[in-house]
Amino acid sequence: MNDLLAGLLSALLSTNQTAAASNLLAKHTGIQLKIASDPLTLELKRLMDMDDQAREEIDEMLQKEQGPKPDQPEIKKLTTDTVIEKKLDAVKNAYDDFIAKHPSYAKARIAYGAFLNEISHEDAALAQWLKAKELDPSDPAVWNNLGDYYGHNGPVTNALIHYAKAIQLNPEEPTYYWNLGTVMYQYRHASGTFLNKEPIKVMDDAMALYRKALQLSPNNFLLSADYAQSFYGFPKPATSDPAADSKTLRQRADLALAAWTNAYLLARDDVERQGVQIHYARWTMDTGRFAESQAALNAVTNLMFKTTKDTLLKKMARMESKATNAPASPSAPIR
């Protein structure tokens, strides 16, 4: 299975990733229920619809809880908790009954595991997904969901293996590349040990996985922003050649800015667009492009960003002052 992952990464890195970068889901079960008239599939669909409806109703109740407080908040909260518990119990009992009647139906166990995971019964979810994998090892959704479990609970190597298998079974699903890239990025040292690579090389591999996911899902703002955010994790170059370090930093900043520009174009509302402007300002500021940074910050008017904006403006003032008072460089600046 390690060979599978290594082969996948090798194939991804064989393309011109720099050019690809320049062209630039709360996660669900991933179950694909084909339209069918057989009673078993229809029964599972009704059960999953019941599951979805219960979660929507619970979300609405919780949102109302955050509104104006009633005169007796303790009593209101107790009532709400009781109603939520009853709704969840009804769905859980329905899944239990269905699986008792159809214990070999893997998709039902995948769906039940997703429900259990959603209500923080992770070990019970794991048991359902492991059984589903045993029943139908050709279903990529169960490999992905097990990857999610191991990504949160360990061991990380299990997450890598399961995500890679999900990709092998369905190489057109962007979520699987996204998930694998996220785990490799976050656990670069453990992944590096498993893959026999330096952590910085693992991060490069993770970025390639993000780009593959973007290639398959080019209009996904959350994915695009996640990819752009990942550039922050790279350490600043610190070799014995300051000029080379400056050039490397500038090149990385250009890639990050291209990614944030793509995210800006995909943003779904003004809050997301202004959030992107904050990141754009950071990268341009750190590479001495103060006019661009100022322009980006001028576009940020939402009060939710005020503290961050003010902090960046103060930082830029200090950086500009330092640059103005610095001694002349013997070499021309890098363009």
C-alpha atoms as a PDB file:
ATOM      1  CA  MET A   1       0.000   0.000   0.000  1.00  0.00           C
ATOM      2  CA  ASN A   2       2.984   2.280   0.570  1.00  0.00           C
ATOM      3  CA  ASP A   3       3.888   1.617  -3.087  1.00  0.00           C
ATOM      4  CA  LEU A   4       0.392   2.750  -4.088  1.00  0.00           C
ATOM      5  CA  LEU A   5       0.836   6.070  -2.297  1.00  0.00           C
ATOM      6  CA  ALA A   6       4.344   6.570  -3.672  1.00  0.00           C
ATOM      7  CA  GLY A   7       3.120   5.872  -7.205  1.00  0.00           C
ATOM      8  CA  LEU A   8       0.248   8.307  -6.809  1.00  0.00           C
ATOM      9  CA  LEU A   9       2.552  11.097  -5.644  1.00  0.00           C
ATOM     10  CA  SER A  10       5.059  10.352  -8.401  1.00  0.00           C
ATOM     11  CA  ALA A  11       2.349  10.676 -11.049  1.00  0.00           C
ATOM     12  CA  LEU A  12       1.125  13.967  -9.618  1.00  0.00           C
ATOM     13  CA  LEU A  13       4.599  15.468  -9.456  1.00  0.00           C
ATOM     14  CA  SER A  14       5.466  14.468 -13.015  1.00  0.00           C
ATOM     15  CA  THR A  15       3.468  17.442 -14.364  1.00  0.00           C
ATOM     16  CA  ASN A  16       4.485  21.095 -14.423  1.00  0.00           C
ATOM     17  CA  GLN A  17       3.014  22.061 -11.063  1.00  0.00           C
ATOM     18  CA  THR A  18       4.225  25.671 -11.119  1.00  0.00           C
ATOM     19  CA  ALA A  19       2.354  26.323 -14.346  1.00  0.00           C
ATOM     20  CA  ALA A  20      -0.681  24.516 -12.991  1.00  0.00           C
ATOM     21  CA  ALA A  21      -0.674  26.714  -9.895  1.00  0.00           C
ATOM     22  CA  SER A  22      -0.608  29.838 -12.005  1.00  0.00           C
ATOM     23  CA  ASN A  23      -3.710  28.691 -13.889  1.00  0.00           C
ATOM     24  CA  LEU A  24      -5.599  28.041 -11.155  1.00  0.00           C
ATOM     25  CA  LEU A  25     -17.299  20.566   2.030  1.00  0.00           C
ATOM     26  CA  ALA A  26     -18.157  20.029   5.428  1.00  0.00           C
ATOM     27  CA  LYS A  27     -17.443  16.522   4.254  1.00  0.00           C
ATOM     28  CA  HIS A  28     -20.242  14.023   3.865  1.00  0.00           C
ATOM     29  CA  THR A  29     -20.498  10.276   3.462  1.00  0.00           C
ATOM     30  CA  GLY A  30     -19.548  10.297  -0.203  1.00  0.00           C
ATOM     31  CA  ILE A  31     -22.127   7.596  -0.901  1.00  0.00           C
ATOM     32  CA  GLN A  32     -23.305   7.452  -4.496  1.00  0.00           C
ATOM     33  CA  LEU A  33     -26.841   6.031  -4.503  1.00  0.00           C
ATOM     34  CA  LYS A  34     -27.774   5.490  -8.107  1.00  0.00           C
ATOM     35  CA  ILE A  35     -31.387   6.098  -9.054  1.00  0.00           C
ATOM     36  CA  ALA A  36     -32.993   2.720  -8.769  1.00  0.00           C
ATOM     37  CA  SER A  37     -36.348   1.108  -8.209  1.00  0.00           C
ATOM     38  CA  ASP A  38     -35.197  -1.773  -6.039  1.00  0.00           C
ATOM     39  CA  PRO A  39     -36.832  -1.641  -2.591  1.00  0.00           C
ATOM     40  CA  LEU A  40     -33.556  -1.874  -0.650  1.00  0.00           C
ATOM     41  CA  THR A  41     -31.996   1.196  -2.266  1.00  0.00           C
ATOM     42  CA  LEU A  42     -35.209   3.177  -1.922  1.00  0.00           C
ATOM     43  CA  GLU A  43     -35.525   2.206   1.732  1.00  0.00           C
ATOM     44  CA  LEU A  44     -31.975   3.363   2.451  1.00  0.00           C
ATOM     45  CA  LYS A  45     -32.613   6.607   0.600  1.00  0.00           C
ATOM     46  CA  ARG A  46     -35.668   7.282   2.766  1.00  0.00           C
ATOM     47  CA  LEU A  47     -33.579   6.587   5.855  1.00  0.00           C
ATOM     48  CA  MET A  48     -30.822   8.947   4.720  1.00  0.00           C
ATOM     49  CA  ASP A  49     -33.443  11.613   3.951  1.00  0.00           C
ATOM     50  CA  MET A  50     -34.764  11.166   7.496  1.00  0.00           C
ATOM     51  CA  ASP A  51     -31.201  11.571   8.778  1.00  0.00           C
ATOM     52  CA  ASP A  52     -30.693  14.770   6.755  1.00  0.00           C
ATOM     53  CA  GLN A  53     -34.022  16.228   7.847  1.00  0.00           C
ATOM     54  CA  ALA A  54     -33.295  15.568  11.522  1.00  0.00           C
ATOM     55  CA  ARG A  55     -29.920  17.296  11.251  1.00  0.00           C
ATOM     56  CA  GLU A  56     -31.476  20.305   9.496  1.00  0.00           C
ATOM     57  CA  GLU A  57     -34.123  20.608  12.211  1.00  0.00           C
ATOM     58  CA  ILE A  58     -31.472  20.359  14.921  1.00  0.00           C
ATOM     59  CA  ASP A  59     -29.373  23.040  13.203  1.00  0.00           C
ATOM     60  CA  GLU A  60     -32.401  25.353  13.141  1.00  0.00           C
ATOM     61  CA  MET A  61     -33.048  24.731  16.831  1.00  0.00           C
ATOM     62  CA  LEU A  62     -29.445  25.470  17.737  1.00  0.00           C
ATOM     63  CA  GLN A  63     -29.484  28.682  15.699  1.00  0.00           C
ATOM     64  CA  LYS A  64     -32.591  29.821  17.570  1.00  0.00           C
ATOM     65  CA  GLU A  65     -30.784  29.052  20.831  1.00  0.00           C
ATOM     66  CA  GLN A  66     -28.226  31.695  19.880  1.00  0.00           C
ATOM     67  CA  GLY A  67     -30.952  34.323  19.460  1.00  0.00           C
ATOM     68  CA  PRO A  68     -32.640  36.435  22.168  1.00  0.00           C
ATOM     69  CA  LYS A  69     -32.620  34.595  25.507  1.00  0.00           C
ATOM     70  CA  PRO A  70     -35.985  33.636  27.050  1.00  0.00           C
ATOM     71  CA  ASP A  71     -36.945  34.528  30.637  1.00  0.00           C
ATOM     72  CA  GLN A  72     -36.090  31.007  31.801  1.00  0.00           C
ATOM     73  CA  PRO A  73     -33.001  30.016  29.764  1.00  0.00           C
ATOM     74  CA  GLU A  74     -32.194  26.920  31.856  1.00  0.00           C
ATOM     75  CA  ILE A  75     -35.640  25.432  31.266  1.00  0.00           C
ATOM     76  CA  LYS A  76     -35.511  26.338  27.562  1.00  0.00           C
ATOM     77  CA  LYS A  77     -32.099  24.690  27.142  1.00  0.00           C
ATOM     78  CA  LEU A  78     -33.264  21.533  28.909  1.00  0.00           C
ATOM     79  CA  THR A  79     -36.268  21.327  26.604  1.00  0.00           C
ATOM     80  CA  THR A  80     -34.130  21.852  23.514  1.00  0.00           C
ATOM     81  CA  ASP A  81     -31.609  19.206  24.578  1.00  0.00           C
ATOM     82  CA  THR A  82     -34.409  16.718  25.192  1.00  0.00           C
ATOM     83  CA  VAL A  83     -35.942  17.315  21.770  1.00  0.00           C
ATOM     84  CA  ILE A  84     -32.553  16.963  20.059  1.00  0.00           C
ATOM     85  CA  GLU A  85     -31.849  13.728  21.911  1.00  0.00           C
ATOM     86  CA  LYS A  86     -35.210  12.302  20.849  1.00  0.00           C
ATOM     87  CA  LYS A  87     -34.608  13.219  17.209  1.00  0.00           C
ATOM     88  CA  LEU A  88     -31.167  11.616  17.212  1.00  0.00           C
ATOM     89  CA  ASP A  89     -32.451   8.504  18.972  1.00  0.00           C
ATOM     90  CA  ALA A  90     -35.174   8.113  16.353  1.00  0.00           C
ATOM     91  CA  VAL A  91     -32.616   8.202  13.532  1.00  0.00           C
ATOM     92  CA  LYS A  92     -30.241   5.872  15.374  1.00  0.00           C
ATOM     93  CA  ASN A  93     -32.997   3.352  16.036  1.00  0.00           C
ATOM     94  CA  ALA A  94     -34.043   3.491  12.384  1.00  0.00           C
ATOM     95  CA  TYR A  95     -30.484   2.709  11.274  1.00  0.00           C
ATOM     96  CA  ASP A  96     -30.217  -0.104  13.820  1.00  0.00           C
ATOM     97  CA  ASP A  97     -33.459  -1.648  12.558  1.00  0.00           C
ATOM     98  CA  PHE A  98     -32.398  -1.352   8.920  1.00  0.00           C
ATOM     99  CA  ILE A  99     -28.997  -2.941   9.508  1.00  0.00           C
ATOM    100  CA  ALA A 100     -30.539  -5.703  11.605  1.00  0.00           C
ATOM    101  CA  LYS A 101     -32.654  -6.588   8.562  1.00  0.00           C
ATOM    102  CA  HIS A 102     -29.853  -6.050   6.011  1.00  0.00           C
ATOM    103  CA  PRO A 103     -26.541  -6.736   7.805  1.00  0.00           C
ATOM    104  CA  SER A 104     -24.598  -7.255   4.560  1.00  0.00           C
ATOM    105  CA  TYR A 105     -25.573  -3.957   2.912  1.00  0.00           C
ATOM    106  CA  ALA A 106     -22.306  -1.989   3.008  1.00  0.00           C
ATOM    107  CA  LYS A 107     -23.747   1.367   1.942  1.00  0.00           C
ATOM    108  CA  ALA A 108     -26.109   1.351   4.907  1.00  0.00           C
ATOM    109  CA  ARG A 109     -23.176   0.863   7.258  1.00  0.00           C
ATOM    110  CA  ILE A 110     -21.282   3.707   5.571  1.00  0.00           C
ATOM    111  CA  ALA A 111     -24.273   6.020   6.053  1.00  0.00           C
ATOM    112  CA  TYR A 112     -24.802   4.892   9.645  1.00  0.00           C
ATOM    113  CA  GLY A 113     -21.129   5.439  10.393  1.00  0.00           C
ATOM    114  CA  ALA A 114     -21.371   8.986   9.047  1.00  0.00           C
ATOM    115  CA  PHE A 115     -24.361   9.647  11.305  1.00  0.00           C
ATOM    116  CA  LEU A 116     -22.579   8.229  14.347  1.00  0.00           C
ATOM    117  CA  ASN A 117     -19.458  10.234  13.562  1.00  0.00           C
ATOM    118  CA  GLU A 118     -21.529  13.398  13.246  1.00  0.00           C
ATOM    119  CA  ILE A 119     -22.901  12.934  16.766  1.00  0.00           C
ATOM    120  CA  SER A 120     -19.390  12.268  18.153  1.00  0.00           C
ATOM    121  CA  HIS A 121     -19.727   8.489  18.502  1.00  0.00           C
ATOM    122  CA  GLU A 122     -16.456   7.997  16.647  1.00  0.00           C
ATOM    123  CA  ASP A 123     -15.616   4.507  17.861  1.00  0.00           C
ATOM    124  CA  ALA A 124     -19.063   3.242  16.895  1.00  0.00           C
ATOM    125  CA  ALA A 125     -18.630   4.902  13.493  1.00  0.00           C
ATOM    126  CA  LEU A 126     -15.283   3.152  13.069  1.00  0.00           C
ATOM    127  CA  ALA A 127     -16.892  -0.224  13.732  1.00  0.00           C
ATOM    128  CA  GLN A 128     -19.526   0.391  11.047  1.00  0.00           C
ATOM    129  CA  TRP A 129     -16.984   1.559   8.479  1.00  0.00           C
ATOM    130  CA  LEU A 130     -14.626  -1.350   9.122  1.00  0.00           C
ATOM    131  CA  LYS A 131     -17.508  -3.758   8.592  1.00  0.00           C
ATOM    132  CA  ALA A 132     -18.515  -1.891   5.426  1.00  0.00           C
ATOM    133  CA  LYS A 133     -14.951  -2.187   4.101  1.00  0.00           C
ATOM    134  CA  GLU A 134     -15.031  -5.906   4.808  1.00  0.00           C
ATOM    135  CA  LEU A 135     -18.364  -6.252   2.981  1.00  0.00           C
ATOM    136  CA  ASP A 136     -17.457  -4.088  -0.023  1.00  0.00           C
ATOM    137  CA  PRO A 137     -13.769  -3.167  -0.299  1.00  0.00           C
ATOM    138  CA  SER A 138     -14.396  -1.654  -3.750  1.00  0.00           C
ATOM    139  CA  ASP A 139     -16.396   1.311  -2.378  1.00  0.00           C
ATOM    140  CA  PRO A 140     -14.119   4.391  -2.235  1.00  0.00           C
ATOM    141  CA  ALA A 141     -16.395   6.217   0.214  1.00  0.00           C
ATOM    142  CA  VAL A 142     -15.639   3.827   3.056  1.00  0.00           C
ATOM    143  CA  TRP A 143     -11.879   4.125   2.481  1.00  0.00           C
ATOM    144  CA  ASN A 144     -12.209   7.912   2.553  1.00  0.00           C
ATOM    145  CA  ASN A 145     -14.277   7.870   5.732  1.00  0.00           C
ATOM    146  CA  LEU A 146     -11.786   5.579   7.430  1.00  0.00           C
ATOM    147  CA  GLY A 147      -9.063   7.981   6.303  1.00  0.00           C
ATOM    148  CA  ASP A 148     -10.991  10.759   8.061  1.00  0.00           C
ATOM    149  CA  TYR A 149     -11.172   8.697  11.244  1.00  0.00           C
ATOM    150  CA  TYR A 150      -7.471   7.852  11.284  1.00  0.00           C
ATOM    151  CA  GLY A 151      -6.573  11.414  10.326  1.00  0.00           C
ATOM    152  CA  HIS A 152      -8.290  12.621  13.503  1.00  0.00           C
ATOM    153  CA  ASN A 153      -7.436   9.741  15.815  1.00  0.00           C
ATOM    154  CA  GLY A 154      -4.300   8.130  14.387  1.00  0.00           C
ATOM    155  CA  PRO A 155      -2.282   6.402  13.318  1.00  0.00           C
ATOM    156  CA  VAL A 156      -1.513   8.850  10.525  1.00  0.00           C
ATOM    157  CA  THR A 157      -0.096   6.081   8.342  1.00  0.00           C
ATOM    158  CA  ASN A 158      -3.540   4.462   8.269  1.00  0.00           C
ATOM    159  CA  ALA A 159      -5.035   7.743   7.074  1.00  0.00           C
ATOM    160  CA  LEU A 160      -2.486   7.977   4.249  1.00  0.00           C
ATOM    161  CA  ILE A 161      -3.138   4.400   3.164  1.00  0.00           C
ATOM    162  CA  HIS A 162      -6.923   4.725   3.201  1.00  0.00           C
ATOM    163  CA  TYR A 163      -7.023   8.034   1.329  1.00  0.00           C
ATOM    164  CA  ALA A 164      -4.648   6.666  -1.314  1.00  0.00           C
ATOM    165  CA  LYS A 165      -6.891   3.636  -1.785  1.00  0.00           C
ATOM    166  CA  ALA A 166      -9.961   5.867  -2.115  1.00  0.00           C
ATOM    167  CA  ILE A 167      -8.174   7.785  -4.882  1.00  0.00           C
ATOM    168  CA  GLN A 168      -7.205   4.563  -6.627  1.00  0.00           C
ATOM    169  CA  LEU A 169     -10.854   3.436  -6.596  1.00  0.00           C
ATOM    170  CA  ASN A 170     -12.214   6.812  -7.733  1.00  0.00           C
ATOM    171  CA  PRO A 171      -9.503   9.094  -9.153  1.00  0.00           C
ATOM    172  CA  GLU A 172     -12.068  11.707 -10.237  1.00  0.00           C
ATOM    173  CA  GLU A 173     -13.240  12.647  -6.726  1.00  0.00           C
ATOM    174  CA  PRO A 174     -11.541  15.905  -5.620  1.00  0.00           C
ATOM    175  CA  THR A 175     -12.368  15.444  -1.935  1.00  0.00           C
ATOM    176  CA  TYR A 176     -10.054  12.450  -1.684  1.00  0.00           C
ATOM    177  CA  TYR A 177      -7.034  14.407  -2.964  1.00  0.00           C
ATOM    178  CA  TRP A 178      -7.962  17.300  -0.678  1.00  0.00           C
ATOM    179  CA  ASN A 179      -8.162  15.023   2.353  1.00  0.00           C
ATOM    180  CA  LEU A 180      -4.875  13.273   1.614  1.00  0.00           C
ATOM    181  CA  GLY A 181      -3.138  16.594   1.016  1.00  0.00           C
ATOM    182  CA  THR A 182      -4.468  17.985   4.293  1.00  0.00           C
ATOM    183  CA  VAL A 183      -3.242  15.041   6.370  1.00  0.00           C
ATOM    184  CA  MET A 184       0.185  15.047   4.715  1.00  0.00           C
ATOM    185  CA  TYR A 185       0.505  18.800   5.230  1.00  0.00           C
ATOM    186  CA  GLN A 186      -0.578  18.750   8.873  1.00  0.00           C
ATOM    187  CA  TYR A 187       1.427  15.650   9.782  1.00  0.00           C
ATOM    188  CA  ARG A 188       4.432  16.260   7.555  1.00  0.00           C
ATOM    189  CA  HIS A 189       6.934  14.663   9.935  1.00  0.00           C
ATOM    190  CA  ALA A 190       4.995  11.423  10.440  1.00  0.00           C
ATOM    191  CA  SER A 191       4.195  11.314   6.727  1.00  0.00           C
ATOM    192  CA  GLY A 192       7.841  11.917   5.902  1.00  0.00           C
ATOM    193  CA  THR A 193       8.933   9.012   8.065  1.00  0.00           C
ATOM    194  CA  PHE A 194       6.414   6.744   6.337  1.00  0.00           C
ATOM    195  CA  LEU A 195       7.366   7.941   2.847  1.00  0.00           C
ATOM    196  CA  ASN A 196      11.090   8.292   3.578  1.00  0.00           C
ATOM    197  CA  LYS A 197      11.028  11.988   2.652  1.00  0.00           C
ATOM    198  CA  GLU A 198      12.044  15.238   4.278  1.00  0.00           C
ATOM    199  CA  PRO A 199       9.092  17.207   5.742  1.00  0.00           C
ATOM    200  CA  ILE A 200       9.566  20.008   3.184  1.00  0.00           C
ATOM    201  CA  LYS A 201       9.244  17.466   0.364  1.00  0.00           C
ATOM    202  CA  VAL A 202       6.084  16.100   1.968  1.00  0.00           C
ATOM    203  CA  MET A 203       4.664  19.626   1.976  1.00  0.00           C
ATOM    204  CA  ASP A 204       5.447  19.932  -1.734  1.00  0.00           C
ATOM    205  CA  ASP A 205       3.581  16.658  -2.307  1.00  0.00           C
ATOM    206  CA  ALA A 206       0.635  17.943  -0.290  1.00  0.00           C
ATOM    207  CA  MET A 207       0.471  21.092  -2.418  1.00  0.00           C
ATOM    208  CA  ALA A 208       0.445  18.924  -5.548  1.00  0.00           C
ATOM    209  CA  LEU A 209      -2.534  17.042  -4.123  1.00  0.00           C
ATOM    210  CA  TYR A 210      -4.334  20.332  -3.461  1.00  0.00           C
ATOM    211  CA  ARG A 211      -3.703  21.385  -7.050  1.00  0.00           C
ATOM    212  CA  LYS A 212      -5.078  18.088  -8.339  1.00  0.00           C
ATOM    213  CA  ALA A 213      -8.204  18.603  -6.248  1.00  0.00           C
ATOM    214  CA  LEU A 214      -8.541  22.122  -7.678  1.00  0.00           C
ATOM    215  CA  GLN A 215      -8.147  20.770 -11.178  1.00  0.00           C
ATOM    216  CA  LEU A 216     -11.118  18.472 -10.531  1.00  0.00           C
ATOM    217  CA  SER A 217     -13.135  21.086  -8.622  1.00  0.00           C
ATOM    218  CA  PRO A 218     -12.033  24.472 -10.002  1.00  0.00           C
ATOM    219  CA  ASN A 219     -14.974  26.465  -8.610  1.00  0.00           C
ATOM    220  CA  ASN A 220     -14.631  25.382  -4.973  1.00  0.00           C
ATOM    221  CA  PHE A 221     -13.877  28.457  -2.851  1.00  0.00           C
ATOM    222  CA  LEU A 222     -13.155  26.557   0.370  1.00  0.00           C
ATOM    223  CA  LEU A 223     -10.698  24.277  -1.396  1.00  0.00           C
ATOM    224  CA  SER A 224      -9.054  27.220  -3.148  1.00  0.00           C
ATOM    225  CA  ALA A 225      -8.699  29.135   0.123  1.00  0.00           C
ATOM    226  CA  ASP A 226      -7.349  26.052   1.906  1.00  0.00           C
ATOM    227  CA  TYR A 227      -4.684  25.672  -0.772  1.00  0.00           C
ATOM    228  CA  ALA A 228      -3.742  29.353  -0.573  1.00  0.00           C
ATOM    229  CA  GLN A 229      -3.620  29.216   3.233  1.00  0.00           C
ATOM    230  CA  SER A 230      -1.163  26.331   3.059  1.00  0.00           C
ATOM    231  CA  PHE A 231       1.625  28.576   1.755  1.00  0.00           C
ATOM    232  CA  TYR A 232       1.942  30.026   5.262  1.00  0.00           C
ATOM    233  CA  GLY A 233       3.309  26.727   6.555  1.00  0.00           C
ATOM    234  CA  PHE A 234       6.519  26.809   4.541  1.00  0.00           C
ATOM    235  CA  PRO A 235       9.551  27.967   6.533  1.00  0.00           C
ATOM    236  CA  LYS A 236      11.323  31.112   5.407  1.00  0.00           C
ATOM    237  CA  PRO A 237      14.448  30.261   3.423  1.00  0.00           C
ATOM    238  CA  ALA A 238      17.548  30.715   5.560  1.00  0.00           C
ATOM    239  CA  THR A 239      20.696  29.765   3.697  1.00  0.00           C
ATOM    240  CA  SER A 240      24.079  31.462   3.565  1.00  0.00           C
ATOM    241  CA  ASP A 241      22.978  33.361   0.445  1.00  0.00           C
ATOM    242  CA  PRO A 242      20.592  36.216   1.374  1.00  0.00           C
ATOM    243  CA  ALA A 243      19.993  37.145  -2.264  1.00  0.00           C
ATOM    244  CA  ALA A 244      18.946  33.594  -3.120  1.00  0.00           C
ATOM    245  CA  ASP A 245      16.732  33.468  -0.018  1.00  0.00           C
ATOM    246  CA  SER A 246      15.046  36.709  -1.045  1.00  0.00           C
ATOM    247  CA  LYS A 247      14.424  35.375  -4.530  1.00  0.00           C
ATOM    248  CA  THR A 248      12.967  32.118  -3.187  1.00  0.00           C
ATOM    249  CA  LEU A 249      10.680  34.014  -0.827  1.00  0.00           C
ATOM    250  CA  ARG A 250       9.526  36.265  -3.658  1.00  0.00           C
ATOM    251  CA  GLN A 251       8.765  33.277  -5.884  1.00  0.00           C
ATOM    252  CA  ARG A 252       6.794  31.580  -3.124  1.00  0.00           C
ATOM    253  CA  ALA A 253       4.915  34.802  -2.445  1.00  0.00           C
ATOM    254  CA  ASP A 254       4.003  35.067  -6.120  1.00  0.00           C
ATOM    255  CA  LEU A 255       2.541  31.545  -6.016  1.00  0.00           C
ATOM    256  CA  ALA A 256       0.633  32.361  -2.836  1.00  0.00           C
ATOM    257  CA  LEU A 257      -0.714  35.583  -4.340  1.00  0.00           C
ATOM    258  CA  ALA A 258      -1.828  33.711  -7.464  1.00  0.00           C
ATOM    259  CA  ALA A 259      -3.656  31.252  -5.215  1.00  0.00           C
ATOM    260  CA  TRP A 260      -5.315  34.019  -3.207  1.00  0.00           C
ATOM    261  CA  THR A 261      -6.296  35.807  -6.421  1.00  0.00           C
ATOM    262  CA  ASN A 262      -8.008  32.629  -7.544  1.00  0.00           C
ATOM    263  CA  ALA A 263      -9.777  32.357  -4.189  1.00  0.00           C
ATOM    264  CA  TYR A 264     -10.914  35.978  -4.490  1.00  0.00           C
ATOM    265  CA  LEU A 265     -12.510  35.268  -7.859  1.00  0.00           C
ATOM    266  CA  LEU A 266     -14.366  32.298  -6.353  1.00  0.00           C
ATOM    267  CA  ALA A 267     -15.500  34.059  -3.161  1.00  0.00           C
ATOM    268  CA  ARG A 268     -19.233  33.794  -2.623  1.00  0.00           C
ATOM    269  CA  ASP A 269     -19.850  37.016  -0.727  1.00  0.00           C
ATOM    270  CA  ASP A 270     -18.180  40.231   0.366  1.00  0.00           C
ATOM    271  CA  VAL A 271     -17.053  38.808   3.708  1.00  0.00           C
ATOM    272  CA  GLU A 272     -15.061  36.105   1.938  1.00  0.00           C
ATOM    273  CA  ARG A 273     -13.638  38.631  -0.526  1.00  0.00           C
ATOM    274  CA  GLN A 274     -12.477  40.944   2.250  1.00  0.00           C
ATOM    275  CA  GLY A 275     -10.996  37.991   4.121  1.00  0.00           C
ATOM    276  CA  VAL A 276      -8.946  37.204   1.026  1.00  0.00           C
ATOM    277  CA  GLN A 277      -7.777  40.832   0.859  1.00  0.00           C
ATOM    278  CA  ILE A 278      -6.316  40.426   4.360  1.00  0.00           C
ATOM    279  CA  HIS A 279      -4.184  37.533   3.166  1.00  0.00           C
ATOM    280  CA  TYR A 280      -3.222  39.387  -0.008  1.00  0.00           C
ATOM    281  CA  ALA A 281      -2.051  42.306   2.129  1.00  0.00           C
ATOM    282  CA  ARG A 282       0.097  40.019   4.297  1.00  0.00           C
ATOM    283  CA  TRP A 283       1.958  38.487   1.375  1.00  0.00           C
ATOM    284  CA  THR A 284       2.562  41.740  -0.480  1.00  0.00           C
ATOM    285  CA  MET A 285       3.696  43.385   2.746  1.00  0.00           C
ATOM    286  CA  ASP A 286       6.184  40.647   3.575  1.00  0.00           C
ATOM    287  CA  THR A 287       7.799  41.063   0.154  1.00  0.00           C
ATOM    288  CA  GLY A 288       8.016  44.845   0.344  1.00  0.00           C
ATOM    289  CA  ARG A 289       5.131  45.663  -2.003  1.00  0.00           C
ATOM    290  CA  PHE A 290       3.619  48.208   0.329  1.00  0.00           C
ATOM    291  CA  ALA A 291       1.444  50.006  -2.224  1.00  0.00           C
ATOM    292  CA  GLU A 292      -0.282  46.738  -3.127  1.00  0.00           C
ATOM    293  CA  SER A 293      -0.670  45.889   0.539  1.00  0.00           C
ATOM    294  CA  GLN A 294      -2.201  49.284   1.282  1.00  0.00           C
ATOM    295  CA  ALA A 295      -4.634  48.927  -1.617  1.00  0.00           C
ATOM    296  CA  ALA A 296      -5.744  45.525  -0.348  1.00  0.00           C
ATOM    297  CA  LEU A 297      -6.278  46.833   3.181  1.00  0.00           C
ATOM    298  CA  ASN A 298      -8.207  49.844   1.870  1.00  0.00           C
ATOM    299  CA  ALA A 299     -10.723  47.371   0.430  1.00  0.00           C
ATOM    300  CA  VAL A 300     -11.318  45.847   3.876  1.00  0.00           C
ATOM    301  CA  THR A 301     -14.215  47.736   5.477  1.00  0.00           C
ATOM    302  CA  ASN A 302     -16.068  45.056   7.440  1.00  0.00           C
ATOM    303  CA  LEU A 303     -15.737  45.642  11.186  1.00  0.00           C
ATOM    304  CA  MET A 304     -15.119  41.947  11.823  1.00  0.00           C
ATOM    305  CA  PHE A 305     -11.660  42.432  10.288  1.00  0.00           C
ATOM    306  CA  LYS A 306     -10.880  45.727  12.066  1.00  0.00           C
ATOM    307  CA  THR A 307      -8.444  44.331  14.653  1.00  0.00           C
ATOM    308  CA  THR A 308      -6.500  42.363  12.060  1.00  0.00           C
ATOM    309  CA  LYS A 309      -6.488  45.289   9.641  1.00  0.00           C
ATOM    310  CA  ASP A 310      -5.219  47.721  12.299  1.00  0.00           C
ATOM    311  CA  THR A 311      -2.470  45.282  13.299  1.00  0.00           C
ATOM    312  CA  LEU A 312      -1.331  44.923   9.698  1.00  0.00           C
ATOM    313  CA  LEU A 313      -1.354  48.691   9.142  1.00  0.00           C
ATOM    314  CA  LYS A 314       0.910  49.169  12.169  1.00  0.00           C
ATOM    315  CA  LYS A 315       3.211  46.401  10.997  1.00  0.00           C
ATOM    316  CA  MET A 316       3.432  47.948   7.537  1.00  0.00           C
ATOM    317  CA  ALA A 317       4.268  51.364   9.005  1.00  0.00           C
ATOM    318  CA  ARG A 318       7.167  49.824  10.935  1.00  0.00           C
ATOM    319  CA  MET A 319       8.390  47.927   7.868  1.00  0.00           C
ATOM    320  CA  GLU A 320       8.213  51.020   5.646  1.00  0.00           C
ATOM    321  CA  SER A 321      10.111  53.060   8.220  1.00  0.00           C
ATOM    322  CA  LYS A 322      12.783  50.394   8.498  1.00  0.00           C
ATOM    323  CA  ALA A 323      13.096  50.156   4.715  1.00  0.00           C
ATOM    324  CA  THR A 324      13.364  53.938   4.380  1.00  0.00           C
ATOM    325  CA  ASN A 325      16.086  54.237   7.010  1.00  0.00           C
ATOM    326  CA  ALA A 326      18.060  51.174   5.918  1.00  0.00           C
ATOM    327  CA  PRO A 327      21.516  51.694   4.362  1.00  0.00           C
ATOM    328  CA  ALA A 328      21.713  51.480   0.599  1.00  0.00           C
ATOM    329  CA  SER A 329      22.143  47.965  -0.766  1.00  0.00           C
ATOM    330  CA  PRO A 330      25.281  47.315  -2.835  1.00  0.00           C
ATOM    331  CA  SER A 331      23.238  45.248  -5.278  1.00  0.00           C
ATOM    332  CA  ALA A 332      20.097  46.041  -7.191  1.00  0.00           C
ATOM    333  CA  PRO A 333      16.806  44.817  -5.699  1.00  0.00           C
ATOM    334  CA  ILE A 334      15.302  41.636  -7.089  1.00  0.00           C
ATOM    335  CA  ARG A 335      12.435  42.271  -9.462  1.00  0.00           C
END
